Amino acid sequence: MVEIYSALIFYLLVRITIAIAAKKSGKEITDFSFKKSAENFNAFFETRLNELFRGTKSKLIGFFQRVVDATVCNCLKPPPRATA
């Protein structure tokens, strides 16, 4: 049961990150790749886990701001291929 809740929380955090990134960049939510965003969030989470556990509220906010910035830069879907 814990795994289900963990997966749901992760899914929601990625969706929230995408929504904030879309608002910040002026793009549509559908322009972002969920897979890339999840990989991006997971990479940040794995490398900054100690920072989250020992951090203050300002460090937590800074962590999520960096995740959103990285999502804006790295997680857009590629443009559709032109069909001829």
N, C-alpha and C. Protein backbone atom coordinates (compact mmCIF):
# COMPACT_ATOMS: atom_id res chain seq x y z
N MET A 1 0.81 -1.19 0.00
CA MET A 1 0.00 0.00 0.00
C MET A 1 0.86 1.27 0.00
N VAL A 2 1.99 1.20 0.69
CA VAL A 2 2.88 2.35 0.75
C VAL A 2 3.42 2.69 -0.64
N GLU A 3 3.69 1.66 -1.44
CA GLU A 3 4.21 1.90 -2.79
C GLU A 3 3.21 2.66 -3.65
N ILE A 4 1.94 2.35 -3.47
CA ILE A 4 0.91 3.03 -4.25
C ILE A 4 0.87 4.51 -3.88
N TYR A 5 0.92 4.80 -2.58
CA TYR A 5 0.91 6.19 -2.15
C TYR A 5 2.17 6.92 -2.59
N SER A 6 3.30 6.25 -2.54
CA SER A 6 4.55 6.87 -2.98
C SER A 6 4.49 7.21 -4.46
N ALA A 7 3.98 6.29 -5.25
CA ALA A 7 3.86 6.52 -6.69
C ALA A 7 2.89 7.67 -6.98
N LEU A 8 1.80 7.72 -6.24
CA LEU A 8 0.82 8.78 -6.44
C LEU A 8 1.41 10.14 -6.07
N ILE A 9 2.13 10.20 -4.97
CA ILE A 9 2.77 11.46 -4.55
C ILE A 9 3.80 11.90 -5.60
N PHE A 10 4.61 10.96 -6.09
CA PHE A 10 5.60 11.29 -7.11
C PHE A 10 4.91 11.80 -8.37
N TYR A 11 3.86 11.12 -8.81
CA TYR A 11 3.10 11.53 -9.99
C TYR A 11 2.57 12.96 -9.82
N LEU A 12 1.99 13.23 -8.67
CA LEU A 12 1.43 14.56 -8.43
C LEU A 12 2.51 15.63 -8.37
N LEU A 13 3.65 15.32 -7.76
CA LEU A 13 4.75 16.29 -7.71
C LEU A 13 5.26 16.61 -9.11
N VAL A 14 5.35 15.60 -9.96
CA VAL A 14 5.80 15.83 -11.34
C VAL A 14 4.77 16.68 -12.08
N ARG A 15 3.50 16.37 -11.92
CA ARG A 15 2.44 17.15 -12.59
C ARG A 15 2.43 18.60 -12.11
N ILE A 16 2.62 18.81 -10.82
CA ILE A 16 2.67 20.17 -10.27
C ILE A 16 3.88 20.91 -10.82
N THR A 17 5.02 20.21 -10.89
CA THR A 17 6.23 20.81 -11.45
C THR A 17 6.01 21.22 -12.90
N ILE A 18 5.36 20.37 -13.68
CA ILE A 18 5.08 20.68 -15.08
C ILE A 18 4.15 21.90 -15.17
N ALA A 19 3.14 21.95 -14.32
CA ALA A 19 2.20 23.08 -14.34
C ALA A 19 2.91 24.40 -14.01
N ILE A 20 3.77 24.37 -13.02
CA ILE A 20 4.51 25.59 -12.65
C ILE A 20 5.49 25.97 -13.76
N ALA A 21 6.15 24.97 -14.35
CA ALA A 21 7.09 25.24 -15.45
C ALA A 21 6.36 25.83 -16.65
N ALA A 22 5.17 25.31 -16.94
CA ALA A 22 4.39 25.84 -18.06
C ALA A 22 4.00 27.29 -17.81
N LYS A 23 3.57 27.58 -16.60
CA LYS A 23 3.20 28.96 -16.28
C LYS A 23 4.40 29.88 -16.35
N LYS A 24 5.53 29.42 -15.83
CA LYS A 24 6.74 30.24 -15.82
C LYS A 24 7.27 30.50 -17.22
N SER A 25 7.16 29.51 -18.11
CA SER A 25 7.71 29.65 -19.45
C SER A 25 6.72 30.20 -20.46
N GLY A 26 5.44 30.25 -20.10
CA GLY A 26 4.43 30.72 -21.04
C GLY A 26 4.02 29.68 -22.06
N LYS A 27 4.41 28.45 -21.85
CA LYS A 27 4.06 27.36 -22.77
C LYS A 27 2.86 26.60 -22.21
N GLU A 28 2.32 25.72 -23.03
CA GLU A 28 1.20 24.88 -22.61
C GLU A 28 1.71 23.69 -21.81
N ILE A 29 0.87 23.18 -20.93
CA ILE A 29 1.24 21.99 -20.15
C ILE A 29 1.52 20.82 -21.08
N THR A 30 0.78 20.73 -22.16
CA THR A 30 0.95 19.62 -23.10
C THR A 30 2.26 19.69 -23.88
N ASP A 31 2.96 20.82 -23.80
CA ASP A 31 4.25 20.95 -24.48
C ASP A 31 5.37 20.23 -23.73
N PHE A 32 5.10 19.81 -22.50
CA PHE A 32 6.12 19.18 -21.67
C PHE A 32 5.95 17.66 -21.67
N SER A 33 7.06 16.97 -21.69
CA SER A 33 7.07 15.51 -21.66
C SER A 33 7.02 15.04 -20.21
N PHE A 34 6.02 14.21 -19.90
CA PHE A 34 5.93 13.69 -18.53
C PHE A 34 7.13 12.80 -18.23
N LYS A 35 7.53 11.98 -19.19
CA LYS A 35 8.65 11.06 -18.98
C LYS A 35 9.93 11.83 -18.67
N LYS A 36 10.24 12.84 -19.48
CA LYS A 36 11.44 13.64 -19.24
C LYS A 36 11.35 14.39 -17.92
N SER A 37 10.18 14.90 -17.61
CA SER A 37 9.99 15.63 -16.36
C SER A 37 10.16 14.72 -15.15
N ALA A 38 9.64 13.50 -15.25
CA ALA A 38 9.79 12.54 -14.15
C ALA A 38 11.25 12.16 -13.96
N GLU A 39 11.96 11.94 -15.07
CA GLU A 39 13.39 11.62 -14.98
C GLU A 39 14.16 12.79 -14.38
N ASN A 40 13.82 13.99 -14.79
CA ASN A 40 14.46 15.20 -14.27
C ASN A 40 14.21 15.33 -12.77
N PHE A 41 12.97 15.17 -12.35
CA PHE A 41 12.62 15.28 -10.93
C PHE A 41 13.34 14.20 -10.12
N ASN A 42 13.36 12.99 -10.66
CA ASN A 42 14.02 11.88 -9.98
C ASN A 42 15.52 12.15 -9.82
N ALA A 43 16.15 12.69 -10.85
CA ALA A 43 17.58 13.00 -10.77
C ALA A 43 17.85 14.04 -9.70
N PHE A 44 17.04 15.09 -9.65
CA PHE A 44 17.20 16.10 -8.61
C PHE A 44 16.97 15.50 -7.23
N PHE A 45 15.96 14.67 -7.13
CA PHE A 45 15.61 14.07 -5.84
C PHE A 45 16.74 13.18 -5.34
N GLU A 46 17.32 12.38 -6.22
CA GLU A 46 18.40 11.47 -5.81
C GLU A 46 19.67 12.22 -5.42
N THR A 47 19.98 13.29 -6.15
CA THR A 47 21.23 14.00 -5.87
C THR A 47 21.11 14.99 -4.72
N ARG A 48 19.91 15.43 -4.40
CA ARG A 48 19.72 16.45 -3.36
C ARG A 48 18.93 15.95 -2.16
N LEU A 49 18.88 14.65 -1.94
CA LEU A 49 18.08 14.09 -0.86
C LEU A 49 18.53 14.60 0.51
N ASN A 50 19.83 14.66 0.74
CA ASN A 50 20.34 15.16 2.02
C ASN A 50 19.92 16.61 2.25
N GLU A 51 19.95 17.39 1.19
CA GLU A 51 19.56 18.80 1.29
C GLU A 51 18.10 18.92 1.73
N LEU A 52 17.27 18.01 1.26
CA LEU A 52 15.85 18.06 1.62
C LEU A 52 15.63 17.66 3.08
N PHE A 53 16.34 16.64 3.53
CA PHE A 53 16.14 16.17 4.90
C PHE A 53 16.68 17.13 5.94
N ARG A 54 17.81 17.75 5.66
CA ARG A 54 18.43 18.63 6.63
C ARG A 54 18.16 20.10 6.35
N GLY A 55 17.29 20.36 5.42
CA GLY A 55 17.08 21.73 4.99
C GLY A 55 16.01 22.48 5.75
N THR A 56 16.02 23.75 5.51
CA THR A 56 14.99 24.63 6.06
C THR A 56 13.94 24.85 4.99
N LYS A 57 12.94 25.60 5.32
CA LYS A 57 11.88 25.89 4.36
C LYS A 57 12.44 26.60 3.13
N SER A 58 13.38 27.52 3.33
CA SER A 58 13.95 28.24 2.19
C SER A 58 14.75 27.31 1.29
N LYS A 59 15.43 26.31 1.87
CA LYS A 59 16.16 25.35 1.04
C LYS A 59 15.19 24.47 0.25
N LEU A 60 14.08 24.11 0.86
CA LEU A 60 13.08 23.31 0.17
C LEU A 60 12.49 24.08 -1.00
N ILE A 61 12.18 25.34 -0.78
CA ILE A 61 11.65 26.18 -1.85
C ILE A 61 12.69 26.34 -2.96
N GLY A 62 13.95 26.54 -2.58
CA GLY A 62 15.02 26.64 -3.57
C GLY A 62 15.17 25.36 -4.39
N PHE A 63 15.02 24.22 -3.72
CA PHE A 63 15.09 22.94 -4.42
C PHE A 63 14.03 22.87 -5.51
N PHE A 64 12.79 23.17 -5.15
CA PHE A 64 11.71 23.09 -6.13
C PHE A 64 11.85 24.15 -7.22
N GLN A 65 12.41 25.31 -6.90
CA GLN A 65 12.65 26.31 -7.94
C GLN A 65 13.66 25.80 -8.96
N ARG A 66 14.71 25.12 -8.48
CA ARG A 66 15.70 24.56 -9.40
C ARG A 66 15.10 23.44 -10.25
N VAL A 67 14.23 22.63 -9.65
CA VAL A 67 13.56 21.57 -10.41
C VAL A 67 12.69 22.18 -11.51
N VAL A 68 11.95 23.22 -11.18
CA VAL A 68 11.09 23.88 -12.17
C VAL A 68 11.94 24.49 -13.28
N ASP A 69 13.03 25.16 -12.92
CA ASP A 69 13.91 25.76 -13.94
C ASP A 69 14.48 24.69 -14.87
N ALA A 70 14.90 23.57 -14.30
CA ALA A 70 15.43 22.48 -15.13
C ALA A 70 14.34 21.88 -16.00
N THR A 71 13.13 21.81 -15.49
CA THR A 71 12.01 21.29 -16.28
C THR A 71 11.73 22.19 -17.47
N VAL A 72 11.77 23.50 -17.25
CA VAL A 72 11.55 24.45 -18.35
C VAL A 72 12.61 24.25 -19.43
N CYS A 73 13.85 24.06 -19.02
CA CYS A 73 14.96 23.96 -19.98
C CYS A 73 15.05 22.61 -20.67
N ASN A 74 14.75 21.53 -19.96
CA ASN A 74 15.09 20.20 -20.47
C ASN A 74 13.93 19.30 -20.83
N CYS A 75 12.72 19.65 -20.51
CA CYS A 75 11.65 18.67 -20.59
C CYS A 75 10.56 18.98 -21.61
N LEU A 76 10.83 19.87 -22.53
CA LEU A 76 9.85 20.12 -23.58
C LEU A 76 9.83 18.96 -24.56
N LYS A 77 8.66 18.67 -25.08
CA LYS A 77 8.56 17.63 -26.10
C LYS A 77 9.24 18.13 -27.37
N PRO A 78 9.82 17.23 -28.15
CA PRO A 78 10.40 17.68 -29.42
C PRO A 78 9.29 18.12 -30.37
N PRO A 79 9.61 19.02 -31.28
CA PRO A 79 8.57 19.46 -32.23
C PRO A 79 8.14 18.29 -33.11
N PRO A 80 6.90 18.30 -33.56
CA PRO A 80 6.44 17.20 -34.42
C PRO A 80 7.21 17.18 -35.73
N ARG A 81 7.41 15.99 -36.23
CA ARG A 81 8.13 15.84 -37.50
C ARG A 81 7.23 16.27 -38.65
N ALA A 82 7.86 16.90 -39.60
CA ALA A 82 7.11 17.32 -40.79
C ALA A 82 6.83 16.10 -41.66
N THR A 83 5.62 15.99 -42.11
CA THR A 83 5.27 14.88 -43.00
C THR A 83 5.22 15.40 -44.42
N ALA A 84 5.84 14.68 -45.30
CA ALA A 84 5.89 15.13 -46.69
C ALA A 84 5.07 14.25 -47.58
